[in-house]
N, C-alpha and C. Protein backbone atom coordinates (compact mmCIF):
# COMPACT_ATOMS: atom_id res chain seq x y z
N UNK A 1 152.29 165.32 85.30
CA UNK A 1 151.36 165.28 84.17
C UNK A 1 151.32 166.63 83.47
N UNK A 2 151.43 167.72 84.24
CA UNK A 2 151.43 169.06 83.64
C UNK A 2 152.61 169.22 82.69
N UNK A 3 153.76 168.70 83.11
CA UNK A 3 154.95 168.80 82.27
C UNK A 3 154.73 168.05 80.96
N UNK A 4 154.12 166.87 81.08
CA UNK A 4 153.85 166.07 79.88
C UNK A 4 152.91 166.82 78.94
N UNK A 5 151.86 167.41 79.48
CA UNK A 5 150.88 168.11 78.65
C UNK A 5 151.50 169.32 77.95
N UNK A 6 152.51 169.92 78.58
CA UNK A 6 153.14 171.11 77.98
C UNK A 6 154.21 170.75 76.95
N UNK A 7 154.54 169.47 76.87
CA UNK A 7 155.56 169.06 75.90
C UNK A 7 155.07 169.28 74.48
N UNK A 8 155.88 169.92 73.67
CA UNK A 8 155.50 170.18 72.28
C UNK A 8 155.79 168.98 71.38
N UNK A 9 156.83 168.25 71.71
CA UNK A 9 157.24 167.13 70.86
C UNK A 9 157.16 165.82 71.64
N UNK A 10 155.95 165.38 71.87
CA UNK A 10 155.76 164.10 72.54
C UNK A 10 156.19 162.97 71.60
N UNK A 11 156.72 161.90 72.19
CA UNK A 11 157.07 160.73 71.40
C UNK A 11 156.64 159.48 72.16
N UNK A 12 156.93 158.32 71.59
CA UNK A 12 156.49 157.07 72.20
C UNK A 12 157.09 156.90 73.59
N UNK A 13 158.34 157.32 73.76
CA UNK A 13 158.98 157.17 75.06
C UNK A 13 158.29 158.00 76.13
N UNK A 14 157.91 159.23 75.80
CA UNK A 14 157.25 160.08 76.80
C UNK A 14 155.86 159.55 77.12
N UNK A 15 155.14 159.07 76.11
CA UNK A 15 153.83 158.46 76.36
C UNK A 15 153.97 157.23 77.26
N UNK A 16 154.95 156.40 76.95
CA UNK A 16 155.17 155.19 77.73
C UNK A 16 155.51 155.52 79.18
N UNK A 17 156.33 156.54 79.37
CA UNK A 17 156.74 156.93 80.72
C UNK A 17 155.55 157.38 81.55
N UNK A 18 154.67 158.19 80.97
CA UNK A 18 153.53 158.70 81.74
C UNK A 18 152.50 157.60 81.99
N UNK A 19 152.34 156.69 81.04
CA UNK A 19 151.45 155.54 81.24
C UNK A 19 151.98 154.66 82.37
N UNK A 20 153.28 154.40 82.33
CA UNK A 20 153.90 153.59 83.37
C UNK A 20 153.76 154.26 84.74
N UNK A 21 153.93 155.57 84.78
CA UNK A 21 153.82 156.30 86.05
C UNK A 21 152.45 156.16 86.67
N UNK A 22 151.41 156.26 85.86
CA UNK A 22 150.06 156.10 86.38
C UNK A 22 149.83 154.68 86.89
N UNK A 23 150.38 153.71 86.17
CA UNK A 23 150.23 152.33 86.61
C UNK A 23 150.93 152.07 87.93
N UNK A 24 152.14 152.59 88.06
CA UNK A 24 152.93 152.39 89.28
C UNK A 24 152.24 153.02 90.49
N UNK A 25 151.57 154.15 90.27
CA UNK A 25 150.94 154.87 91.37
C UNK A 25 149.46 154.50 91.55
N UNK A 26 149.09 153.32 91.08
CA UNK A 26 147.76 152.80 91.36
C UNK A 26 146.63 153.48 90.62
N UNK A 27 146.89 153.96 89.41
CA UNK A 27 145.85 154.61 88.61
C UNK A 27 145.72 153.91 87.26
N UNK A 28 145.32 152.64 87.27
CA UNK A 28 145.26 151.87 86.02
C UNK A 28 144.24 152.41 85.02
N UNK A 29 143.12 152.95 85.51
CA UNK A 29 142.10 153.48 84.60
C UNK A 29 142.66 154.67 83.83
N UNK A 30 143.37 155.54 84.53
CA UNK A 30 143.99 156.68 83.86
C UNK A 30 145.07 156.22 82.88
N UNK A 31 145.78 155.16 83.25
CA UNK A 31 146.80 154.61 82.36
C UNK A 31 146.17 154.13 81.05
N UNK A 32 145.01 153.48 81.16
CA UNK A 32 144.32 152.99 79.96
C UNK A 32 143.81 154.16 79.12
N UNK A 33 143.29 155.18 79.78
CA UNK A 33 142.82 156.36 79.05
C UNK A 33 143.96 157.01 78.27
N UNK A 34 145.11 157.10 78.89
CA UNK A 34 146.27 157.67 78.21
C UNK A 34 146.72 156.79 77.05
N UNK A 35 146.66 155.49 77.26
CA UNK A 35 147.04 154.56 76.21
C UNK A 35 146.13 154.72 74.99
N UNK A 36 144.82 154.80 75.24
CA UNK A 36 143.87 154.98 74.14
C UNK A 36 144.06 156.34 73.46
N UNK A 37 144.32 157.36 74.26
CA UNK A 37 144.55 158.70 73.71
C UNK A 37 145.82 158.71 72.85
N UNK A 38 146.83 158.01 73.31
CA UNK A 38 148.09 157.91 72.57
C UNK A 38 147.83 157.38 71.16
N UNK A 39 147.04 156.33 71.07
CA UNK A 39 146.74 155.75 69.76
C UNK A 39 145.91 156.70 68.90
N UNK A 40 144.93 157.37 69.53
CA UNK A 40 144.07 158.29 68.78
C UNK A 40 144.86 159.46 68.22
N UNK A 41 145.92 159.85 68.92
CA UNK A 41 146.73 160.98 68.46
C UNK A 41 147.82 160.55 67.48
N UNK A 42 147.77 159.28 67.08
CA UNK A 42 148.65 158.83 66.00
C UNK A 42 149.98 158.24 66.41
N UNK A 43 150.16 157.98 67.71
CA UNK A 43 151.41 157.39 68.17
C UNK A 43 151.24 155.87 68.26
N UNK A 44 152.20 155.15 67.71
CA UNK A 44 152.13 153.69 67.73
C UNK A 44 152.88 153.15 68.94
N UNK A 45 152.18 152.48 69.85
CA UNK A 45 152.85 151.92 71.04
C UNK A 45 153.85 150.85 70.65
N UNK A 46 154.93 150.76 71.40
CA UNK A 46 155.91 149.70 71.14
C UNK A 46 155.77 148.61 72.20
N UNK A 47 156.68 147.67 72.18
CA UNK A 47 156.59 146.53 73.10
C UNK A 47 156.68 146.96 74.56
N UNK A 48 157.50 147.99 74.82
CA UNK A 48 157.65 148.48 76.19
C UNK A 48 156.37 149.18 76.65
N UNK A 49 155.72 149.89 75.74
CA UNK A 49 154.45 150.54 76.07
C UNK A 49 153.42 149.49 76.49
N UNK A 50 153.36 148.41 75.74
CA UNK A 50 152.41 147.35 76.09
C UNK A 50 152.77 146.69 77.42
N UNK A 51 154.05 146.58 77.69
CA UNK A 51 154.47 146.02 78.97
C UNK A 51 154.01 146.93 80.11
N UNK A 52 154.11 148.24 79.90
CA UNK A 52 153.70 149.20 80.93
C UNK A 52 152.20 149.16 81.18
N UNK A 53 151.40 149.10 80.11
CA UNK A 53 149.95 149.12 80.28
C UNK A 53 149.44 147.78 80.82
N UNK A 54 150.07 146.69 80.43
CA UNK A 54 149.68 145.39 80.97
C UNK A 54 150.02 145.29 82.46
N UNK A 55 151.15 145.87 82.84
CA UNK A 55 151.51 145.90 84.25
C UNK A 55 150.51 146.72 85.05
N UNK A 56 150.08 147.85 84.48
CA UNK A 56 149.08 148.69 85.14
C UNK A 56 147.77 147.92 85.34
N UNK A 57 147.35 147.19 84.32
CA UNK A 57 146.13 146.39 84.42
C UNK A 57 146.28 145.30 85.48
N UNK A 58 147.45 144.69 85.53
CA UNK A 58 147.70 143.64 86.50
C UNK A 58 147.60 144.17 87.92
N UNK A 59 148.28 145.27 88.19
CA UNK A 59 148.27 145.84 89.54
C UNK A 59 146.90 146.39 89.93
N UNK A 60 146.10 146.75 88.92
CA UNK A 60 144.78 147.29 89.20
C UNK A 60 143.67 146.25 89.17
N UNK A 61 144.02 145.00 88.86
CA UNK A 61 143.02 143.94 88.82
C UNK A 61 142.05 144.03 87.66
N UNK A 62 142.47 144.68 86.58
CA UNK A 62 141.60 144.87 85.41
C UNK A 62 141.82 143.72 84.42
N UNK A 63 141.20 142.59 84.71
CA UNK A 63 141.43 141.38 83.93
C UNK A 63 140.93 141.52 82.49
N UNK A 64 139.68 141.93 82.33
CA UNK A 64 139.09 142.03 80.99
C UNK A 64 139.86 143.03 80.15
N UNK A 65 140.16 144.19 80.73
CA UNK A 65 140.88 145.22 79.99
C UNK A 65 142.28 144.74 79.61
N UNK A 66 142.95 144.06 80.54
CA UNK A 66 144.29 143.57 80.26
C UNK A 66 144.31 142.54 79.14
N UNK A 67 143.35 141.62 79.16
CA UNK A 67 143.29 140.61 78.12
C UNK A 67 142.98 141.23 76.76
N UNK A 68 142.12 142.25 76.76
CA UNK A 68 141.77 142.93 75.51
C UNK A 68 142.98 143.67 74.93
N UNK A 69 143.74 144.34 75.79
CA UNK A 69 144.93 145.06 75.33
C UNK A 69 145.97 144.08 74.79
N UNK A 70 146.11 142.94 75.46
CA UNK A 70 147.04 141.92 74.98
C UNK A 70 146.63 141.45 73.58
N UNK A 71 145.33 141.26 73.39
CA UNK A 71 144.82 140.82 72.08
C UNK A 71 145.11 141.88 71.02
N UNK A 72 144.92 143.15 71.37
CA UNK A 72 145.19 144.23 70.42
C UNK A 72 146.67 144.29 70.06
N UNK A 73 147.52 144.02 71.04
CA UNK A 73 148.96 144.04 70.79
C UNK A 73 149.33 143.05 69.70
N UNK A 74 148.71 141.87 69.75
CA UNK A 74 149.03 140.81 68.80
C UNK A 74 148.31 141.02 67.47
N UNK A 75 146.99 141.25 67.54
CA UNK A 75 146.18 141.26 66.32
C UNK A 75 146.25 142.58 65.56
N UNK A 76 146.26 143.71 66.27
CA UNK A 76 146.24 145.01 65.60
C UNK A 76 147.64 145.56 65.33
N UNK A 77 148.57 145.29 66.25
CA UNK A 77 149.90 145.87 66.11
C UNK A 77 150.95 144.86 65.64
N UNK A 78 150.59 143.59 65.62
CA UNK A 78 151.47 142.58 65.05
C UNK A 78 152.70 142.23 65.86
N UNK A 79 152.67 142.50 67.17
CA UNK A 79 153.81 142.14 68.01
C UNK A 79 153.73 140.68 68.43
N UNK A 80 154.88 140.03 68.46
CA UNK A 80 154.96 138.69 69.04
C UNK A 80 155.26 138.85 70.52
N UNK A 81 154.37 138.40 71.39
CA UNK A 81 154.58 138.60 72.83
C UNK A 81 155.88 137.97 73.31
N UNK A 82 156.57 138.68 74.18
CA UNK A 82 157.75 138.15 74.82
C UNK A 82 157.34 137.53 76.15
N UNK A 83 158.28 136.85 76.78
CA UNK A 83 157.97 136.18 78.04
C UNK A 83 157.52 137.20 79.08
N UNK A 84 158.02 138.45 79.00
CA UNK A 84 157.61 139.48 79.95
C UNK A 84 156.13 139.83 79.80
N UNK A 85 155.63 139.85 78.56
CA UNK A 85 154.22 140.15 78.34
C UNK A 85 153.34 139.03 78.90
N UNK A 86 153.76 137.79 78.63
CA UNK A 86 153.02 136.67 79.19
C UNK A 86 153.08 136.69 80.72
N UNK A 87 154.23 137.12 81.25
CA UNK A 87 154.36 137.21 82.70
C UNK A 87 153.35 138.17 83.30
N UNK A 88 153.07 139.27 82.60
CA UNK A 88 152.06 140.22 83.07
C UNK A 88 150.68 139.57 83.10
N UNK A 89 150.37 138.78 82.08
CA UNK A 89 149.08 138.09 82.05
C UNK A 89 148.96 137.09 83.18
N UNK A 90 150.04 136.37 83.43
CA UNK A 90 150.04 135.39 84.52
C UNK A 90 149.83 136.09 85.86
N UNK A 91 150.51 137.21 86.04
CA UNK A 91 150.34 137.99 87.27
C UNK A 91 148.92 138.54 87.37
N UNK A 92 148.39 138.99 86.25
CA UNK A 92 147.02 139.53 86.20
C UNK A 92 146.01 138.48 86.63
N UNK A 93 146.12 137.28 86.06
CA UNK A 93 145.20 136.20 86.41
C UNK A 93 145.40 135.74 87.85
N UNK A 94 146.66 135.67 88.27
CA UNK A 94 146.95 135.22 89.62
C UNK A 94 146.40 136.16 90.68
N UNK A 95 146.57 137.45 90.48
CA UNK A 95 146.06 138.43 91.44
C UNK A 95 144.54 138.37 91.53
N UNK A 96 143.89 138.02 90.42
CA UNK A 96 142.43 137.95 90.39
C UNK A 96 141.91 136.61 90.91
N UNK A 97 142.81 135.72 91.32
CA UNK A 97 142.39 134.43 91.83
C UNK A 97 142.09 133.41 90.76
N UNK A 98 142.41 133.73 89.51
CA UNK A 98 142.17 132.81 88.40
C UNK A 98 143.41 131.93 88.20
N UNK A 99 143.69 131.12 89.21
CA UNK A 99 144.94 130.37 89.25
C UNK A 99 145.00 129.27 88.20
N UNK A 100 143.90 128.57 88.01
CA UNK A 100 143.89 127.49 87.01
C UNK A 100 144.11 128.06 85.61
N UNK A 101 143.50 129.21 85.35
CA UNK A 101 143.67 129.85 84.04
C UNK A 101 145.13 130.25 83.84
N UNK A 102 145.76 130.75 84.91
CA UNK A 102 147.17 131.13 84.82
C UNK A 102 148.04 129.91 84.57
N UNK A 103 147.72 128.81 85.24
CA UNK A 103 148.47 127.56 85.06
C UNK A 103 148.35 127.06 83.62
N UNK A 104 147.13 127.09 83.10
CA UNK A 104 146.91 126.64 81.72
C UNK A 104 147.62 127.55 80.72
N UNK A 105 147.66 128.85 81.04
CA UNK A 105 148.34 129.79 80.15
C UNK A 105 149.83 129.47 80.06
N UNK A 106 150.47 129.22 81.20
CA UNK A 106 151.90 128.90 81.18
C UNK A 106 152.15 127.64 80.36
N UNK A 107 151.30 126.65 80.54
CA UNK A 107 151.50 125.38 79.83
C UNK A 107 151.23 125.49 78.34
N UNK A 108 150.47 126.51 77.94
CA UNK A 108 150.13 126.65 76.52
C UNK A 108 150.98 127.67 75.79
N UNK A 109 151.96 128.24 76.48
CA UNK A 109 152.77 129.29 75.86
C UNK A 109 153.52 128.76 74.64
N UNK A 110 153.54 129.56 73.56
CA UNK A 110 154.31 129.17 72.37
C UNK A 110 155.81 129.28 72.60
N UNK A 111 156.19 130.04 73.66
CA UNK A 111 157.59 130.12 74.05
C UNK A 111 157.70 129.53 75.45
N UNK A 112 158.85 128.98 75.77
CA UNK A 112 159.04 128.30 77.04
C UNK A 112 158.92 129.28 78.21
N UNK A 113 158.03 128.97 79.13
CA UNK A 113 157.89 129.81 80.31
C UNK A 113 159.16 129.75 81.16
N UNK A 114 159.50 130.87 81.79
CA UNK A 114 160.70 130.88 82.61
C UNK A 114 160.33 130.67 84.07
N UNK A 115 161.35 130.54 84.91
CA UNK A 115 161.11 130.28 86.32
C UNK A 115 160.34 131.41 86.98
N UNK A 116 160.57 132.64 86.51
CA UNK A 116 159.87 133.79 87.10
C UNK A 116 158.36 133.66 86.93
N UNK A 117 157.92 133.18 85.78
CA UNK A 117 156.48 133.00 85.54
C UNK A 117 155.90 131.99 86.52
N UNK A 118 156.62 130.89 86.72
CA UNK A 118 156.14 129.87 87.65
C UNK A 118 156.13 130.40 89.08
N UNK A 119 157.14 131.18 89.44
CA UNK A 119 157.19 131.72 90.81
C UNK A 119 156.11 132.78 91.01
N UNK A 120 155.76 133.50 89.95
CA UNK A 120 154.65 134.44 90.04
C UNK A 120 153.36 133.69 90.37
N UNK A 121 153.16 132.56 89.71
CA UNK A 121 151.98 131.74 89.99
C UNK A 121 152.03 131.15 91.39
N UNK A 122 153.21 130.71 91.81
CA UNK A 122 153.36 130.15 93.16
C UNK A 122 153.03 131.21 94.21
N UNK A 123 153.44 132.44 93.95
CA UNK A 123 153.12 133.54 94.87
C UNK A 123 151.62 133.77 94.95
N UNK A 124 150.94 133.65 93.80
CA UNK A 124 149.48 133.80 93.79
C UNK A 124 148.81 132.66 94.55
N UNK A 125 149.38 131.46 94.45
CA UNK A 125 148.85 130.32 95.22
C UNK A 125 148.96 130.60 96.71
N UNK A 126 150.04 131.24 97.11
CA UNK A 126 150.21 131.61 98.52
C UNK A 126 149.12 132.58 98.96
N UNK A 127 148.89 133.60 98.15
CA UNK A 127 147.90 134.62 98.50
C UNK A 127 146.51 134.00 98.67
N UNK A 128 146.18 133.07 97.78
CA UNK A 128 144.84 132.49 97.77
C UNK A 128 144.76 131.14 98.49
N UNK A 129 145.87 130.69 99.06
CA UNK A 129 145.86 129.47 99.86
C UNK A 129 145.57 128.21 99.08
N UNK A 130 145.98 128.16 97.80
CA UNK A 130 145.73 126.98 96.97
C UNK A 130 146.93 126.04 97.10
N UNK A 131 146.84 125.13 98.06
CA UNK A 131 147.96 124.23 98.35
C UNK A 131 148.20 123.24 97.21
N UNK A 132 147.13 122.66 96.68
CA UNK A 132 147.28 121.63 95.66
C UNK A 132 148.02 122.16 94.43
N UNK A 133 147.58 123.30 93.93
CA UNK A 133 148.25 123.88 92.77
C UNK A 133 149.64 124.37 93.14
N UNK A 134 149.77 124.92 94.34
CA UNK A 134 151.07 125.40 94.80
C UNK A 134 152.11 124.28 94.82
N UNK A 135 151.71 123.11 95.30
CA UNK A 135 152.63 121.97 95.32
C UNK A 135 152.99 121.53 93.90
N UNK A 136 152.03 121.61 93.00
CA UNK A 136 152.28 121.25 91.60
C UNK A 136 153.30 122.20 90.99
N UNK A 137 153.12 123.49 91.24
CA UNK A 137 154.05 124.50 90.70
C UNK A 137 155.44 124.32 91.31
N UNK A 138 155.47 124.05 92.61
CA UNK A 138 156.76 123.82 93.28
C UNK A 138 157.49 122.63 92.64
N UNK A 139 156.75 121.57 92.32
CA UNK A 139 157.36 120.40 91.71
C UNK A 139 157.94 120.73 90.33
N UNK A 140 157.23 121.58 89.58
CA UNK A 140 157.74 122.01 88.28
C UNK A 140 159.07 122.75 88.46
N UNK A 141 159.10 123.65 89.42
CA UNK A 141 160.31 124.42 89.68
C UNK A 141 161.46 123.51 90.11
N UNK A 142 161.15 122.54 90.96
CA UNK A 142 162.19 121.63 91.45
C UNK A 142 162.74 120.74 90.33
N UNK A 143 161.86 120.36 89.41
CA UNK A 143 162.26 119.41 88.37
C UNK A 143 162.94 120.04 87.16
N UNK A 144 162.59 121.30 86.87
CA UNK A 144 163.06 121.88 85.62
C UNK A 144 163.90 123.15 85.77
N UNK A 145 163.98 123.69 86.98
CA UNK A 145 164.72 124.94 87.16
C UNK A 145 165.64 124.84 88.36
N UNK A 146 166.58 125.76 88.41
CA UNK A 146 167.53 125.79 89.52
C UNK A 146 166.81 126.17 90.81
N UNK A 147 167.11 125.46 91.88
CA UNK A 147 166.46 125.72 93.17
C UNK A 147 166.74 127.14 93.64
N UNK A 148 165.74 127.72 94.31
CA UNK A 148 165.87 129.08 94.83
C UNK A 148 165.20 129.13 96.20
N UNK A 149 165.79 129.84 97.17
CA UNK A 149 165.20 129.90 98.52
C UNK A 149 163.76 130.39 98.53
N UNK A 150 163.39 131.21 97.55
CA UNK A 150 162.04 131.75 97.49
C UNK A 150 160.99 130.65 97.37
N UNK A 151 161.32 129.57 96.67
CA UNK A 151 160.35 128.50 96.43
C UNK A 151 159.84 127.89 97.73
N UNK A 152 160.76 127.53 98.61
CA UNK A 152 160.34 126.92 99.88
C UNK A 152 159.62 127.91 100.77
N UNK A 153 160.03 129.18 100.71
CA UNK A 153 159.35 130.20 101.50
C UNK A 153 157.91 130.39 101.05
N UNK A 154 157.70 130.39 99.73
CA UNK A 154 156.36 130.59 99.19
C UNK A 154 155.44 129.41 99.51
N UNK A 155 155.95 128.19 99.36
CA UNK A 155 155.09 127.03 99.63
C UNK A 155 154.82 126.92 101.13
N UNK A 156 155.79 127.30 101.97
CA UNK A 156 155.56 127.32 103.42
C UNK A 156 154.45 128.30 103.77
N UNK A 157 154.50 129.48 103.15
CA UNK A 157 153.48 130.49 103.40
C UNK A 157 152.11 130.03 102.90
N UNK A 158 152.12 129.26 101.81
CA UNK A 158 150.86 128.73 101.28
C UNK A 158 150.22 127.77 102.28
N UNK A 159 151.05 126.92 102.89
CA UNK A 159 150.54 126.02 103.93
C UNK A 159 149.95 126.82 105.09
N UNK A 160 150.64 127.89 105.47
CA UNK A 160 150.19 128.70 106.60
C UNK A 160 148.85 129.37 106.30
N UNK A 161 148.73 129.95 105.10
CA UNK A 161 147.48 130.62 104.71
C UNK A 161 146.32 129.64 104.68
N UNK A 162 146.60 128.41 104.22
CA UNK A 162 145.55 127.40 104.11
C UNK A 162 145.27 126.68 105.42
N UNK A 163 146.05 127.01 106.47
CA UNK A 163 145.85 126.37 107.76
C UNK A 163 146.39 124.96 107.84
N UNK A 164 147.31 124.62 106.93
CA UNK A 164 147.91 123.28 106.92
C UNK A 164 149.13 123.28 107.85
N UNK A 165 148.87 123.35 109.14
CA UNK A 165 149.95 123.50 110.11
C UNK A 165 150.88 122.29 110.13
N UNK A 166 150.32 121.09 109.99
CA UNK A 166 151.16 119.88 110.03
C UNK A 166 152.15 119.88 108.86
N UNK A 167 151.68 120.27 107.67
CA UNK A 167 152.57 120.33 106.51
C UNK A 167 153.63 121.41 106.71
N UNK A 168 153.21 122.53 107.28
CA UNK A 168 154.15 123.63 107.53
C UNK A 168 155.23 123.19 108.51
N UNK A 169 154.82 122.51 109.58
CA UNK A 169 155.78 122.04 110.58
C UNK A 169 156.76 121.04 109.98
N UNK A 170 156.24 120.11 109.19
CA UNK A 170 157.10 119.10 108.56
C UNK A 170 158.12 119.76 107.64
N UNK A 171 157.68 120.76 106.90
CA UNK A 171 158.59 121.42 105.97
C UNK A 171 159.65 122.21 106.72
N UNK A 172 159.26 122.85 107.82
CA UNK A 172 160.24 123.60 108.60
C UNK A 172 161.29 122.67 109.19
N UNK A 173 160.86 121.49 109.65
CA UNK A 173 161.80 120.52 110.20
C UNK A 173 162.76 120.03 109.12
N UNK A 174 162.23 119.81 107.90
CA UNK A 174 163.06 119.36 106.79
C UNK A 174 164.08 120.43 106.42
N UNK A 175 163.64 121.70 106.42
CA UNK A 175 164.55 122.80 106.09
C UNK A 175 165.67 122.90 107.11
N UNK A 176 165.33 122.73 108.40
CA UNK A 176 166.35 122.80 109.43
C UNK A 176 167.38 121.68 109.27
N UNK A 177 166.89 120.50 108.88
CA UNK A 177 167.80 119.38 108.64
C UNK A 177 168.73 119.68 107.48
N UNK A 178 168.17 120.25 106.40
CA UNK A 178 168.99 120.59 105.24
C UNK A 178 170.03 121.65 105.58
N UNK A 179 169.64 122.62 106.42
CA UNK A 179 170.59 123.66 106.82
C UNK A 179 171.75 123.06 107.58
N UNK A 180 171.44 122.12 108.50
CA UNK A 180 172.52 121.48 109.27
C UNK A 180 173.45 120.70 108.36
N UNK A 181 172.88 120.05 107.34
CA UNK A 181 173.71 119.28 106.40
C UNK A 181 174.64 120.20 105.63
N UNK A 182 174.09 121.32 105.14
CA UNK A 182 174.90 122.26 104.37
C UNK A 182 176.00 122.88 105.24
N UNK A 183 175.65 123.19 106.50
CA UNK A 183 176.64 123.79 107.39
C UNK A 183 177.75 122.79 107.69
N UNK A 184 177.37 121.52 107.81
CA UNK A 184 178.37 120.48 108.05
C UNK A 184 179.33 120.37 106.87
N UNK A 185 178.79 120.61 105.67
CA UNK A 185 179.61 120.52 104.47
C UNK A 185 180.34 121.83 104.18
N UNK A 186 180.21 122.79 105.09
CA UNK A 186 180.93 124.05 104.92
C UNK A 186 180.23 125.06 104.06
N UNK A 187 178.92 124.88 103.79
CA UNK A 187 178.17 125.82 102.97
C UNK A 187 177.33 126.72 103.86
N UNK A 188 176.96 127.87 103.34
CA UNK A 188 176.11 128.80 104.05
C UNK A 188 174.80 128.95 103.30
N UNK A 189 173.69 128.85 104.01
CA UNK A 189 172.38 128.99 103.40
C UNK A 189 171.85 130.37 103.74
N UNK A 190 171.61 131.18 102.72
CA UNK A 190 171.13 132.54 102.94
C UNK A 190 169.97 132.83 102.00
N UNK A 191 169.12 133.76 102.40
CA UNK A 191 168.02 134.22 101.56
C UNK A 191 168.53 135.40 100.74
N UNK A 192 168.40 135.31 99.42
CA UNK A 192 168.90 136.36 98.56
C UNK A 192 168.04 137.61 98.66
N UNK A 193 168.69 138.77 98.53
CA UNK A 193 167.97 140.03 98.55
C UNK A 193 167.16 140.20 97.27
N UNK A 194 165.91 140.64 97.41
CA UNK A 194 165.07 140.84 96.24
C UNK A 194 165.41 142.13 95.51
N UNK A 195 165.07 142.18 94.23
CA UNK A 195 165.30 143.39 93.45
C UNK A 195 164.31 143.42 92.31
N UNK A 196 164.14 144.61 91.73
CA UNK A 196 163.26 144.78 90.58
C UNK A 196 164.08 145.32 89.42
N UNK A 197 163.61 145.04 88.20
CA UNK A 197 164.29 145.52 87.01
C UNK A 197 163.27 146.11 86.06
N UNK A 198 163.58 147.29 85.54
CA UNK A 198 162.72 147.94 84.56
C UNK A 198 163.48 148.06 83.26
N UNK A 199 162.89 147.61 82.19
CA UNK A 199 163.55 147.63 80.88
C UNK A 199 162.98 148.76 80.04
N UNK A 200 163.86 149.58 79.46
CA UNK A 200 163.43 150.68 78.60
C UNK A 200 164.21 150.63 77.31
N UNK A 201 163.66 151.27 76.28
CA UNK A 201 164.37 151.34 75.01
C UNK A 201 165.54 152.29 75.12
N UNK A 202 166.57 152.05 74.29
CA UNK A 202 167.70 152.98 74.23
C UNK A 202 167.30 154.22 73.44
């Protein structure tokens, strides 16, 4: 932060970087203060800046602040939200336990929600043990998107969190049967390694 303060020629990229840094390190309130200061000093945030501040709000559980910033992005700055911005809102609502609101948001998107958005919601269902909604989200993923090992892992964990041991056992037995079938056909079933991606302007 000292280096940032000593910079003579701050620009949108440097503001975005320091806002993102505070969000990543669990300081969402400071991230919001920097965001507001950025605007007061005459710098116009770009789409990546909004992605950084929305992510900070999501990780910090600041639902009201995140929704307000999203509204400002659209109404005051005239940006059309991308799927990544909506993804932050879905994550924000999911972390706060507002699962139905997140589900309704995905269904009302003016742009088609991607599989990542649905899996974000499924992950939130696991955390909060919402089996009914979790099964609904899983069905959406199965019907409209390419199958991924994460889906069955998340719904299995949802059963476990909710204490639905019989459903968990049945699913594990079904998975073992599917593995044997794939192995018989000469295929290998593996869990893919997770990764994260950060997008920045050139």
